[in-house]
Amino acid sequence: MPTFVLASASPARLATLRSAGLDPIVVVSGVDESQLDGLPPAELALQLAELKCAAVAARDDLPAGSLVLGCDSVLELDGEALGKPESPDDAVRRWQAMRGRTGVLHTGHCLRDTVSGRVAAATASTKVRFADLDDDEITAYVATGEPLHVAGAFTVDGLGGAFVTGIEGDHHNVVGVSLPLLRELVAELGHRWTDLWAR
């Protein structure tokens, strides 16, 4: 059974994978996410996921026979890619632009088998409808600090969940990792999803 390695510091991704039966080792990639500015949102998410996966898979201290997963999420609004806000003021401005509207959350996934060297990668995209928050709600939400640590300045599995009025597509993708897509990538590399369940 391969060792599953998550190349991400995201606690939400880790919790999602654990809830799905996996018990990943976490190895943070340290990739500079600002190096690919200017790419279209879906492509940006995928390329960052590929960079994170490659950076961790290249390490010589991984367990033999690892499956390394790199992920990255961005919110697309008006064709622009929105990652983590740079400041509380940035988060407030984002929410003022997002409220009452629909964006698309793109999560790039890149999975590498360190034994075969094979790679499978794809992006999952999910539409997210946001509530029409007033300025006081936005200020209160940003003051919690939660929006400052996540792509698009919102969560669906935390305090921000009350501000998401609808999702069209995979819910887990909005949390940070699409389980159905990941299952397909695992199969593409010749493994069975159920073999990855922690026992």
N, C-alpha and C. Protein backbone atom coordinates (compact mmCIF):
# COMPACT_ATOMS: atom_id res chain seq x y z
N MET A 1 0.84 -1.19 0.00
CA MET A 1 0.00 0.00 0.00
C MET A 1 0.88 1.25 0.00
N PRO A 2 0.68 2.17 -0.94
CA PRO A 2 1.52 3.36 -0.96
C PRO A 2 1.24 4.29 0.22
N THR A 3 2.25 5.06 0.60
CA THR A 3 2.08 6.08 1.62
C THR A 3 1.53 7.34 0.96
N PHE A 4 0.45 7.88 1.49
CA PHE A 4 -0.15 9.07 0.90
C PHE A 4 0.45 10.31 1.55
N VAL A 5 0.96 11.21 0.72
CA VAL A 5 1.62 12.42 1.20
C VAL A 5 0.86 13.64 0.69
N LEU A 6 0.47 14.52 1.60
CA LEU A 6 -0.22 15.76 1.24
C LEU A 6 0.78 16.90 1.24
N ALA A 7 0.99 17.48 0.06
CA ALA A 7 1.95 18.59 -0.08
C ALA A 7 1.22 19.91 0.12
N SER A 8 0.64 20.08 1.30
CA SER A 8 -0.16 21.26 1.60
C SER A 8 -0.24 21.46 3.10
N ALA A 9 -0.23 22.72 3.52
CA ALA A 9 -0.36 23.04 4.95
C ALA A 9 -1.82 23.23 5.35
N SER A 10 -2.75 23.04 4.42
CA SER A 10 -4.17 23.33 4.68
C SER A 10 -4.78 22.34 5.67
N PRO A 11 -5.22 22.83 6.84
CA PRO A 11 -5.89 21.93 7.78
C PRO A 11 -7.22 21.42 7.24
N ALA A 12 -7.88 22.20 6.39
CA ALA A 12 -9.16 21.77 5.82
C ALA A 12 -8.95 20.60 4.85
N ARG A 13 -7.91 20.67 4.03
CA ARG A 13 -7.61 19.54 3.13
C ARG A 13 -7.29 18.28 3.93
N LEU A 14 -6.47 18.44 4.95
CA LEU A 14 -6.09 17.29 5.77
C LEU A 14 -7.32 16.67 6.42
N ALA A 15 -8.20 17.50 6.98
CA ALA A 15 -9.41 16.99 7.64
C ALA A 15 -10.32 16.29 6.64
N THR A 16 -10.43 16.83 5.42
CA THR A 16 -11.27 16.22 4.39
C THR A 16 -10.74 14.84 4.02
N LEU A 17 -9.43 14.73 3.83
CA LEU A 17 -8.83 13.45 3.47
C LEU A 17 -8.98 12.43 4.61
N ARG A 18 -8.79 12.90 5.83
CA ARG A 18 -8.94 11.98 6.97
C ARG A 18 -10.39 11.50 7.09
N SER A 19 -11.34 12.39 6.87
CA SER A 19 -12.75 12.00 6.93
C SER A 19 -13.09 10.99 5.84
N ALA A 20 -12.33 11.01 4.75
CA ALA A 20 -12.56 10.08 3.63
C ALA A 20 -11.79 8.77 3.80
N GLY A 21 -11.12 8.59 4.95
CA GLY A 21 -10.47 7.32 5.23
C GLY A 21 -8.98 7.28 5.02
N LEU A 22 -8.40 8.39 4.55
CA LEU A 22 -6.95 8.42 4.33
C LEU A 22 -6.25 8.99 5.56
N ASP A 23 -4.99 8.70 5.72
CA ASP A 23 -4.22 9.24 6.83
C ASP A 23 -2.89 9.77 6.28
N PRO A 24 -2.95 10.94 5.63
CA PRO A 24 -1.76 11.44 4.93
C PRO A 24 -0.64 11.90 5.87
N ILE A 25 0.57 11.79 5.36
CA ILE A 25 1.71 12.49 5.95
C ILE A 25 1.71 13.88 5.32
N VAL A 26 1.87 14.92 6.11
CA VAL A 26 1.88 16.28 5.59
C VAL A 26 3.32 16.75 5.42
N VAL A 27 3.64 17.19 4.21
CA VAL A 27 4.96 17.76 3.91
C VAL A 27 4.70 19.05 3.14
N VAL A 28 4.96 20.19 3.76
CA VAL A 28 4.67 21.47 3.13
C VAL A 28 5.71 21.78 2.06
N SER A 29 5.25 22.24 0.92
CA SER A 29 6.14 22.40 -0.24
C SER A 29 7.04 23.62 -0.17
N GLY A 30 6.55 24.70 0.42
CA GLY A 30 7.32 25.93 0.46
C GLY A 30 7.38 26.67 -0.87
N VAL A 31 6.49 26.31 -1.81
CA VAL A 31 6.47 26.95 -3.14
C VAL A 31 5.98 28.40 -3.01
N ASP A 32 6.65 29.31 -3.70
CA ASP A 32 6.24 30.71 -3.75
C ASP A 32 5.04 30.84 -4.68
N GLU A 33 3.86 31.09 -4.12
CA GLU A 33 2.64 31.10 -4.91
C GLU A 33 2.50 32.34 -5.79
N SER A 34 3.32 33.35 -5.56
CA SER A 34 3.20 34.58 -6.34
C SER A 34 3.94 34.50 -7.67
N GLN A 35 4.69 33.42 -7.91
CA GLN A 35 5.55 33.35 -9.09
C GLN A 35 4.79 33.17 -10.40
N LEU A 36 3.50 32.80 -10.31
CA LEU A 36 2.74 32.54 -11.53
C LEU A 36 1.62 33.56 -11.75
N ASP A 37 1.73 34.72 -11.16
CA ASP A 37 0.71 35.76 -11.33
C ASP A 37 0.47 36.03 -12.81
N GLY A 38 -0.79 36.26 -13.17
CA GLY A 38 -1.11 36.62 -14.55
C GLY A 38 -1.72 35.49 -15.35
N LEU A 39 -1.67 34.26 -14.84
CA LEU A 39 -2.27 33.14 -15.55
C LEU A 39 -3.79 33.14 -15.35
N PRO A 40 -4.55 32.57 -16.29
CA PRO A 40 -5.99 32.40 -16.08
C PRO A 40 -6.23 31.57 -14.81
N PRO A 41 -7.32 31.82 -14.09
CA PRO A 41 -7.52 31.20 -12.77
C PRO A 41 -7.41 29.68 -12.74
N ALA A 42 -8.08 28.96 -13.64
CA ALA A 42 -8.04 27.49 -13.60
C ALA A 42 -6.63 26.97 -13.89
N GLU A 43 -5.93 27.62 -14.82
CA GLU A 43 -4.56 27.22 -15.15
C GLU A 43 -3.61 27.53 -14.00
N LEU A 44 -3.84 28.67 -13.33
CA LEU A 44 -3.01 29.04 -12.19
C LEU A 44 -3.13 28.00 -11.08
N ALA A 45 -4.36 27.59 -10.78
CA ALA A 45 -4.57 26.59 -9.72
C ALA A 45 -3.85 25.29 -10.06
N LEU A 46 -3.93 24.86 -11.31
CA LEU A 46 -3.31 23.60 -11.71
C LEU A 46 -1.78 23.70 -11.68
N GLN A 47 -1.24 24.79 -12.19
CA GLN A 47 0.22 24.91 -12.23
C GLN A 47 0.82 25.00 -10.82
N LEU A 48 0.12 25.69 -9.92
CA LEU A 48 0.61 25.76 -8.54
C LEU A 48 0.56 24.38 -7.89
N ALA A 49 -0.52 23.64 -8.16
CA ALA A 49 -0.61 22.27 -7.62
C ALA A 49 0.54 21.42 -8.15
N GLU A 50 0.85 21.55 -9.44
CA GLU A 50 1.95 20.78 -10.03
C GLU A 50 3.29 21.15 -9.42
N LEU A 51 3.51 22.45 -9.19
CA LEU A 51 4.77 22.89 -8.57
C LEU A 51 4.91 22.35 -7.15
N LYS A 52 3.81 22.40 -6.39
CA LYS A 52 3.86 21.91 -5.00
C LYS A 52 4.12 20.41 -4.97
N CYS A 53 3.46 19.68 -5.84
CA CYS A 53 3.64 18.24 -5.90
C CYS A 53 5.09 17.90 -6.27
N ALA A 54 5.61 18.57 -7.29
CA ALA A 54 6.97 18.30 -7.75
C ALA A 54 8.00 18.62 -6.67
N ALA A 55 7.79 19.72 -5.95
CA ALA A 55 8.74 20.12 -4.91
C ALA A 55 8.83 19.08 -3.80
N VAL A 56 7.69 18.54 -3.41
CA VAL A 56 7.68 17.56 -2.32
C VAL A 56 8.14 16.19 -2.83
N ALA A 57 7.71 15.81 -4.03
CA ALA A 57 8.09 14.50 -4.57
C ALA A 57 9.60 14.39 -4.79
N ALA A 58 10.27 15.52 -4.97
CA ALA A 58 11.72 15.51 -5.21
C ALA A 58 12.53 15.33 -3.92
N ARG A 59 11.88 15.39 -2.80
CA ARG A 59 12.61 15.26 -1.53
C ARG A 59 13.10 13.82 -1.35
N ASP A 60 14.24 13.69 -0.70
CA ASP A 60 14.80 12.35 -0.53
C ASP A 60 14.43 11.73 0.82
N ASP A 61 13.61 12.44 1.61
CA ASP A 61 13.23 11.91 2.92
C ASP A 61 11.79 11.38 2.95
N LEU A 62 11.18 11.20 1.77
CA LEU A 62 9.82 10.64 1.72
C LEU A 62 9.88 9.13 1.91
N PRO A 63 8.82 8.56 2.47
CA PRO A 63 8.77 7.09 2.55
C PRO A 63 8.81 6.49 1.14
N ALA A 64 9.42 5.33 1.01
CA ALA A 64 9.45 4.66 -0.29
C ALA A 64 8.02 4.33 -0.72
N GLY A 65 7.76 4.50 -2.00
CA GLY A 65 6.43 4.17 -2.50
C GLY A 65 5.37 5.16 -2.09
N SER A 66 5.62 6.44 -2.28
CA SER A 66 4.65 7.47 -1.89
C SER A 66 3.80 7.92 -3.06
N LEU A 67 2.57 8.28 -2.74
CA LEU A 67 1.71 9.04 -3.65
C LEU A 67 1.66 10.45 -3.10
N VAL A 68 2.15 11.42 -3.87
CA VAL A 68 2.24 12.79 -3.39
C VAL A 68 1.15 13.63 -4.06
N LEU A 69 0.33 14.30 -3.24
CA LEU A 69 -0.74 15.15 -3.75
C LEU A 69 -0.43 16.61 -3.50
N GLY A 70 -0.36 17.38 -4.59
CA GLY A 70 -0.27 18.83 -4.48
C GLY A 70 -1.61 19.44 -4.88
N CYS A 71 -2.08 20.42 -4.12
CA CYS A 71 -3.34 21.10 -4.44
C CYS A 71 -3.17 22.60 -4.29
N ASP A 72 -3.95 23.33 -5.06
CA ASP A 72 -4.02 24.78 -4.86
C ASP A 72 -5.38 25.26 -5.33
N SER A 73 -5.95 26.20 -4.59
CA SER A 73 -7.28 26.72 -4.91
C SER A 73 -7.23 28.22 -5.16
N VAL A 74 -8.02 28.67 -6.13
CA VAL A 74 -8.23 30.10 -6.36
C VAL A 74 -9.71 30.32 -6.68
N LEU A 75 -10.20 31.48 -6.29
CA LEU A 75 -11.57 31.85 -6.63
C LEU A 75 -11.53 32.74 -7.85
N GLU A 76 -12.35 32.42 -8.84
CA GLU A 76 -12.45 33.27 -10.03
C GLU A 76 -13.68 34.15 -9.91
N LEU A 77 -13.47 35.46 -10.01
CA LEU A 77 -14.55 36.43 -10.02
C LEU A 77 -14.22 37.48 -11.08
N ASP A 78 -15.12 37.64 -12.02
CA ASP A 78 -14.89 38.57 -13.13
C ASP A 78 -13.61 38.24 -13.89
N GLY A 79 -13.31 36.96 -14.00
CA GLY A 79 -12.13 36.53 -14.75
C GLY A 79 -10.82 36.67 -14.01
N GLU A 80 -10.87 37.18 -12.80
CA GLU A 80 -9.66 37.40 -12.01
C GLU A 80 -9.47 36.27 -11.01
N ALA A 81 -8.22 35.85 -10.79
CA ALA A 81 -7.90 34.82 -9.82
C ALA A 81 -7.66 35.45 -8.46
N LEU A 82 -8.43 34.99 -7.47
CA LEU A 82 -8.29 35.52 -6.11
C LEU A 82 -7.79 34.42 -5.19
N GLY A 83 -6.56 34.57 -4.74
CA GLY A 83 -6.00 33.63 -3.77
C GLY A 83 -6.29 34.13 -2.37
N LYS A 84 -5.32 33.99 -1.47
CA LYS A 84 -5.49 34.50 -0.12
C LYS A 84 -5.38 36.02 -0.13
N PRO A 85 -6.21 36.72 0.64
CA PRO A 85 -6.11 38.18 0.69
C PRO A 85 -4.77 38.61 1.27
N GLU A 86 -4.30 39.77 0.83
CA GLU A 86 -3.00 40.26 1.30
C GLU A 86 -3.11 40.97 2.65
N SER A 87 -4.32 41.42 3.01
CA SER A 87 -4.51 42.18 4.24
C SER A 87 -5.99 42.16 4.60
N PRO A 88 -6.34 42.59 5.83
CA PRO A 88 -7.76 42.70 6.18
C PRO A 88 -8.52 43.65 5.25
N ASP A 89 -7.89 44.75 4.87
CA ASP A 89 -8.56 45.69 3.95
C ASP A 89 -8.84 45.03 2.61
N ASP A 90 -7.90 44.21 2.14
CA ASP A 90 -8.07 43.48 0.88
C ASP A 90 -9.25 42.52 1.01
N ALA A 91 -9.35 41.83 2.15
CA ALA A 91 -10.45 40.88 2.38
C ALA A 91 -11.79 41.61 2.38
N VAL A 92 -11.84 42.77 2.99
CA VAL A 92 -13.09 43.56 3.00
C VAL A 92 -13.48 43.95 1.59
N ARG A 93 -12.52 44.43 0.80
CA ARG A 93 -12.82 44.82 -0.58
C ARG A 93 -13.32 43.63 -1.39
N ARG A 94 -12.71 42.48 -1.17
CA ARG A 94 -13.14 41.28 -1.90
C ARG A 94 -14.58 40.93 -1.58
N TRP A 95 -14.91 40.94 -0.30
CA TRP A 95 -16.27 40.59 0.09
C TRP A 95 -17.28 41.61 -0.43
N GLN A 96 -16.88 42.85 -0.49
CA GLN A 96 -17.78 43.87 -1.05
C GLN A 96 -18.04 43.59 -2.53
N ALA A 97 -17.04 43.04 -3.22
CA ALA A 97 -17.21 42.69 -4.64
C ALA A 97 -17.95 41.37 -4.81
N MET A 98 -17.78 40.43 -3.86
CA MET A 98 -18.35 39.09 -3.98
C MET A 98 -19.81 39.00 -3.54
N ARG A 99 -20.21 39.83 -2.59
CA ARG A 99 -21.52 39.65 -1.96
C ARG A 99 -22.66 39.70 -2.98
N GLY A 100 -23.57 38.76 -2.82
CA GLY A 100 -24.72 38.68 -3.71
C GLY A 100 -24.41 38.14 -5.09
N ARG A 101 -23.19 37.62 -5.28
CA ARG A 101 -22.77 37.18 -6.61
C ARG A 101 -22.31 35.72 -6.59
N THR A 102 -21.95 35.23 -7.76
CA THR A 102 -21.45 33.86 -7.90
C THR A 102 -20.03 33.88 -8.45
N GLY A 103 -19.17 33.10 -7.81
CA GLY A 103 -17.80 32.93 -8.30
C GLY A 103 -17.56 31.46 -8.60
N VAL A 104 -16.40 31.16 -9.14
CA VAL A 104 -16.03 29.77 -9.42
C VAL A 104 -14.75 29.46 -8.65
N LEU A 105 -14.84 28.43 -7.80
CA LEU A 105 -13.67 28.01 -7.04
C LEU A 105 -12.97 26.89 -7.83
N HIS A 106 -11.74 27.17 -8.24
CA HIS A 106 -10.93 26.19 -8.98
C HIS A 106 -9.90 25.59 -8.03
N THR A 107 -9.82 24.27 -8.00
CA THR A 107 -8.77 23.61 -7.23
C THR A 107 -7.98 22.70 -8.17
N GLY A 108 -6.69 23.01 -8.30
CA GLY A 108 -5.79 22.17 -9.07
C GLY A 108 -5.34 21.01 -8.22
N HIS A 109 -5.27 19.83 -8.84
CA HIS A 109 -4.83 18.60 -8.16
C HIS A 109 -3.71 17.98 -9.00
N CYS A 110 -2.62 17.62 -8.36
CA CYS A 110 -1.54 16.93 -9.05
C CYS A 110 -1.07 15.78 -8.16
N LEU A 111 -1.12 14.58 -8.69
CA LEU A 111 -0.76 13.38 -7.94
C LEU A 111 0.41 12.69 -8.64
N ARG A 112 1.46 12.40 -7.88
CA ARG A 112 2.65 11.74 -8.44
C ARG A 112 2.94 10.46 -7.66
N ASP A 113 3.19 9.39 -8.41
CA ASP A 113 3.61 8.11 -7.85
C ASP A 113 5.14 8.11 -7.87
N THR A 114 5.77 8.10 -6.70
CA THR A 114 7.23 8.21 -6.66
C THR A 114 7.93 6.93 -7.11
N VAL A 115 7.21 5.83 -7.19
CA VAL A 115 7.81 4.58 -7.68
C VAL A 115 7.89 4.59 -9.20
N SER A 116 6.75 4.84 -9.85
CA SER A 116 6.70 4.81 -11.32
C SER A 116 7.11 6.13 -11.94
N GLY A 117 7.03 7.22 -11.16
CA GLY A 117 7.30 8.55 -11.70
C GLY A 117 6.14 9.13 -12.48
N ARG A 118 5.03 8.37 -12.56
CA ARG A 118 3.86 8.84 -13.32
C ARG A 118 3.13 9.94 -12.55
N VAL A 119 2.53 10.84 -13.33
CA VAL A 119 1.80 11.98 -12.77
C VAL A 119 0.41 12.04 -13.39
N ALA A 120 -0.58 12.34 -12.57
CA ALA A 120 -1.95 12.59 -13.05
C ALA A 120 -2.38 13.93 -12.47
N ALA A 121 -2.95 14.80 -13.29
CA ALA A 121 -3.31 16.14 -12.82
C ALA A 121 -4.57 16.62 -13.51
N ALA A 122 -5.35 17.40 -12.76
CA ALA A 122 -6.59 17.97 -13.30
C ALA A 122 -7.08 19.06 -12.35
N THR A 123 -7.99 19.87 -12.86
CA THR A 123 -8.60 20.93 -12.05
C THR A 123 -10.09 20.65 -11.90
N ALA A 124 -10.58 20.81 -10.68
CA ALA A 124 -12.02 20.73 -10.41
C ALA A 124 -12.54 22.15 -10.20
N SER A 125 -13.71 22.45 -10.75
CA SER A 125 -14.28 23.80 -10.65
C SER A 125 -15.71 23.71 -10.12
N THR A 126 -16.01 24.54 -9.14
CA THR A 126 -17.31 24.52 -8.47
C THR A 126 -17.85 25.94 -8.37
N LYS A 127 -19.11 26.16 -8.77
CA LYS A 127 -19.73 27.48 -8.64
C LYS A 127 -20.16 27.70 -7.19
N VAL A 128 -19.90 28.90 -6.70
CA VAL A 128 -20.24 29.25 -5.32
C VAL A 128 -21.04 30.55 -5.32
N ARG A 129 -22.24 30.51 -4.72
CA ARG A 129 -23.08 31.70 -4.60
C ARG A 129 -22.92 32.28 -3.21
N PHE A 130 -22.68 33.58 -3.16
CA PHE A 130 -22.45 34.26 -1.89
C PHE A 130 -23.67 35.06 -1.47
N ALA A 131 -23.91 35.09 -0.16
CA ALA A 131 -25.00 35.88 0.39
C ALA A 131 -24.70 37.37 0.20
N ASP A 132 -25.75 38.17 0.27
CA ASP A 132 -25.60 39.62 0.12
C ASP A 132 -25.35 40.23 1.50
N LEU A 133 -24.11 40.12 1.96
CA LEU A 133 -23.75 40.61 3.30
C LEU A 133 -23.78 42.13 3.35
N ASP A 134 -24.12 42.66 4.53
CA ASP A 134 -23.97 44.11 4.71
C ASP A 134 -22.55 44.40 5.20
N ASP A 135 -22.19 45.67 5.22
CA ASP A 135 -20.82 46.05 5.56
C ASP A 135 -20.42 45.61 6.97
N ASP A 136 -21.39 45.65 7.91
CA ASP A 136 -21.07 45.25 9.28
C ASP A 136 -20.74 43.76 9.36
N GLU A 137 -21.48 42.94 8.60
CA GLU A 137 -21.20 41.51 8.59
C GLU A 137 -19.82 41.23 7.99
N ILE A 138 -19.51 41.95 6.92
CA ILE A 138 -18.19 41.78 6.30
C ILE A 138 -17.08 42.14 7.28
N THR A 139 -17.23 43.28 7.95
CA THR A 139 -16.22 43.73 8.90
C THR A 139 -16.05 42.73 10.04
N ALA A 140 -17.18 42.22 10.54
CA ALA A 140 -17.12 41.25 11.64
C ALA A 140 -16.45 39.95 11.19
N TYR A 141 -16.76 39.50 9.98
CA TYR A 141 -16.16 38.26 9.48
C TYR A 141 -14.66 38.42 9.28
N VAL A 142 -14.26 39.50 8.66
CA VAL A 142 -12.83 39.73 8.43
C VAL A 142 -12.08 39.84 9.76
N ALA A 143 -12.74 40.44 10.77
CA ALA A 143 -12.10 40.61 12.08
C ALA A 143 -11.80 39.28 12.76
N THR A 144 -12.49 38.21 12.38
CA THR A 144 -12.20 36.89 12.96
C THR A 144 -10.84 36.35 12.49
N GLY A 145 -10.35 36.87 11.38
CA GLY A 145 -9.08 36.40 10.82
C GLY A 145 -9.22 35.24 9.86
N GLU A 146 -10.37 34.55 9.89
CA GLU A 146 -10.53 33.37 9.05
C GLU A 146 -10.32 33.65 7.56
N PRO A 147 -10.90 34.72 7.01
CA PRO A 147 -10.78 34.94 5.57
C PRO A 147 -9.35 35.23 5.10
N LEU A 148 -8.46 35.56 6.02
CA LEU A 148 -7.10 35.94 5.63
C LEU A 148 -6.23 34.74 5.28
N HIS A 149 -6.70 33.54 5.61
CA HIS A 149 -5.86 32.35 5.46
C HIS A 149 -6.33 31.40 4.37
N VAL A 150 -7.35 31.83 3.60
CA VAL A 150 -7.94 30.91 2.63
C VAL A 150 -8.16 31.59 1.28
N ALA A 151 -8.07 30.79 0.22
CA ALA A 151 -8.30 31.29 -1.13
C ALA A 151 -9.71 31.86 -1.24
N GLY A 152 -9.83 33.03 -1.85
CA GLY A 152 -11.12 33.65 -2.05
C GLY A 152 -11.66 34.35 -0.82
N ALA A 153 -10.95 34.30 0.30
CA ALA A 153 -11.35 34.97 1.53
C ALA A 153 -12.63 34.42 2.15
N PHE A 154 -12.88 33.11 1.95
CA PHE A 154 -14.06 32.51 2.57
C PHE A 154 -13.82 31.03 2.81
N THR A 155 -14.58 30.48 3.74
CA THR A 155 -14.63 29.04 3.93
C THR A 155 -16.10 28.61 3.81
N VAL A 156 -16.29 27.35 3.49
CA VAL A 156 -17.64 26.80 3.49
C VAL A 156 -17.80 25.87 4.70
N ASP A 157 -16.67 25.51 5.32
CA ASP A 157 -16.69 24.57 6.44
C ASP A 157 -16.34 25.25 7.76
N GLY A 158 -16.42 26.58 7.79
CA GLY A 158 -16.10 27.32 9.01
C GLY A 158 -17.10 28.45 9.21
N LEU A 159 -16.63 29.56 9.74
CA LEU A 159 -17.50 30.70 10.01
C LEU A 159 -18.14 31.24 8.73
N GLY A 160 -17.44 31.10 7.61
CA GLY A 160 -17.96 31.62 6.34
C GLY A 160 -19.09 30.81 5.75
N GLY A 161 -19.34 29.62 6.30
CA GLY A 161 -20.38 28.76 5.75
C GLY A 161 -21.75 29.41 5.69
N ALA A 162 -22.05 30.27 6.64
CA ALA A 162 -23.35 30.95 6.67
C ALA A 162 -23.49 31.98 5.55
N PHE A 163 -22.39 32.32 4.93
CA PHE A 163 -22.40 33.34 3.88
C PHE A 163 -22.36 32.74 2.48
N VAL A 164 -22.42 31.42 2.39
CA VAL A 164 -22.46 30.72 1.10
C VAL A 164 -23.87 30.17 0.93
N THR A 165 -24.61 30.71 -0.04
CA THR A 165 -26.02 30.35 -0.18
C THR A 165 -26.25 29.18 -1.12
N GLY A 166 -25.23 28.80 -1.88
CA GLY A 166 -25.41 27.67 -2.78
C GLY A 166 -24.10 27.24 -3.41
N ILE A 167 -24.04 25.97 -3.76
CA ILE A 167 -22.86 25.40 -4.43
C ILE A 167 -23.35 24.53 -5.57
N GLU A 168 -22.74 24.72 -6.74
CA GLU A 168 -23.07 23.89 -7.90
C GLU A 168 -21.81 23.12 -8.28
N GLY A 169 -21.79 21.85 -7.92
CA GLY A 169 -20.61 21.03 -8.15
C GLY A 169 -20.19 20.34 -6.86
N ASP A 170 -18.94 19.93 -6.79
CA ASP A 170 -18.43 19.16 -5.67
C ASP A 170 -18.17 20.05 -4.45
N HIS A 171 -18.87 19.77 -3.36
CA HIS A 171 -18.71 20.52 -2.12
C HIS A 171 -17.28 20.42 -1.57
N HIS A 172 -16.72 19.20 -1.63
CA HIS A 172 -15.36 19.00 -1.09
C HIS A 172 -14.34 19.86 -1.82
N ASN A 173 -14.58 20.11 -3.10
CA ASN A 173 -13.65 20.94 -3.87
C ASN A 173 -13.53 22.33 -3.27
N VAL A 174 -14.65 22.85 -2.76
CA VAL A 174 -14.64 24.19 -2.16
C VAL A 174 -13.85 24.19 -0.85
N VAL A 175 -13.85 23.06 -0.17
CA VAL A 175 -13.06 22.93 1.06
C VAL A 175 -11.57 22.85 0.72
N GLY A 176 -11.25 22.33 -0.49
CA GLY A 176 -9.85 22.35 -0.90
C GLY A 176 -9.34 21.12 -1.62
N VAL A 177 -10.15 20.04 -1.65
CA VAL A 177 -9.73 18.85 -2.40
C VAL A 177 -10.98 18.12 -2.87
N SER A 178 -11.07 17.86 -4.16
CA SER A 178 -12.21 17.15 -4.73
C SER A 178 -11.98 15.65 -4.59
N LEU A 179 -12.74 15.02 -3.71
CA LEU A 179 -12.55 13.58 -3.49
C LEU A 179 -12.89 12.75 -4.73
N PRO A 180 -13.99 13.04 -5.46
CA PRO A 180 -14.26 12.26 -6.66
C PRO A 180 -13.15 12.39 -7.71
N LEU A 181 -12.62 13.61 -7.89
CA LEU A 181 -11.54 13.80 -8.85
C LEU A 181 -10.28 13.08 -8.37
N LEU A 182 -9.98 13.18 -7.09
CA LEU A 182 -8.79 12.52 -6.56
C LEU A 182 -8.88 11.01 -6.75
N ARG A 183 -10.06 10.44 -6.54
CA ARG A 183 -10.25 9.00 -6.77
C ARG A 183 -9.91 8.64 -8.22
N GLU A 184 -10.32 9.49 -9.16
CA GLU A 184 -10.03 9.24 -10.57
C GLU A 184 -8.52 9.32 -10.84
N LEU A 185 -7.84 10.28 -10.22
CA LEU A 185 -6.39 10.42 -10.42
C LEU A 185 -5.65 9.22 -9.84
N VAL A 186 -6.12 8.75 -8.68
CA VAL A 186 -5.52 7.57 -8.06
C VAL A 186 -5.65 6.36 -9.01
N ALA A 187 -6.83 6.20 -9.60
CA ALA A 187 -7.05 5.09 -10.53
C ALA A 187 -6.21 5.23 -11.79
N GLU A 188 -6.04 6.48 -12.25
CA GLU A 188 -5.22 6.73 -13.45
C GLU A 188 -3.78 6.28 -13.24
N LEU A 189 -3.32 6.34 -12.00
CA LEU A 189 -1.95 5.91 -11.68
C LEU A 189 -1.87 4.43 -11.32
N GLY A 190 -3.01 3.72 -11.46
CA GLY A 190 -2.99 2.28 -11.28
C GLY A 190 -3.24 1.79 -9.87
N HIS A 191 -3.80 2.66 -9.03
CA HIS A 191 -4.08 2.27 -7.64
C HIS A 191 -5.59 2.25 -7.41
N ARG A 192 -5.99 1.56 -6.36
CA ARG A 192 -7.40 1.54 -5.97
C ARG A 192 -7.61 2.48 -4.79
N TRP A 193 -8.65 3.29 -4.88
CA TRP A 193 -8.97 4.26 -3.82
C TRP A 193 -9.13 3.54 -2.47
N THR A 194 -9.82 2.43 -2.47
CA THR A 194 -10.09 1.73 -1.22
C THR A 194 -8.83 1.15 -0.58
N ASP A 195 -7.78 0.97 -1.40
CA ASP A 195 -6.51 0.49 -0.83
C ASP A 195 -5.79 1.57 -0.02
N LEU A 196 -6.21 2.83 -0.22
CA LEU A 196 -5.58 3.94 0.49
C LEU A 196 -6.20 4.19 1.86
N TRP A 197 -7.34 3.54 2.11
CA TRP A 197 -7.98 3.74 3.40
C TRP A 197 -7.06 3.27 4.52
N ALA A 198 -6.94 4.11 5.54
CA ALA A 198 -6.13 3.74 6.71
C ALA A 198 -6.76 2.57 7.42
N ARG A 199 -5.95 1.63 7.83
CA ARG A 199 -6.50 0.43 8.49
C ARG A 199 -5.95 0.29 9.89
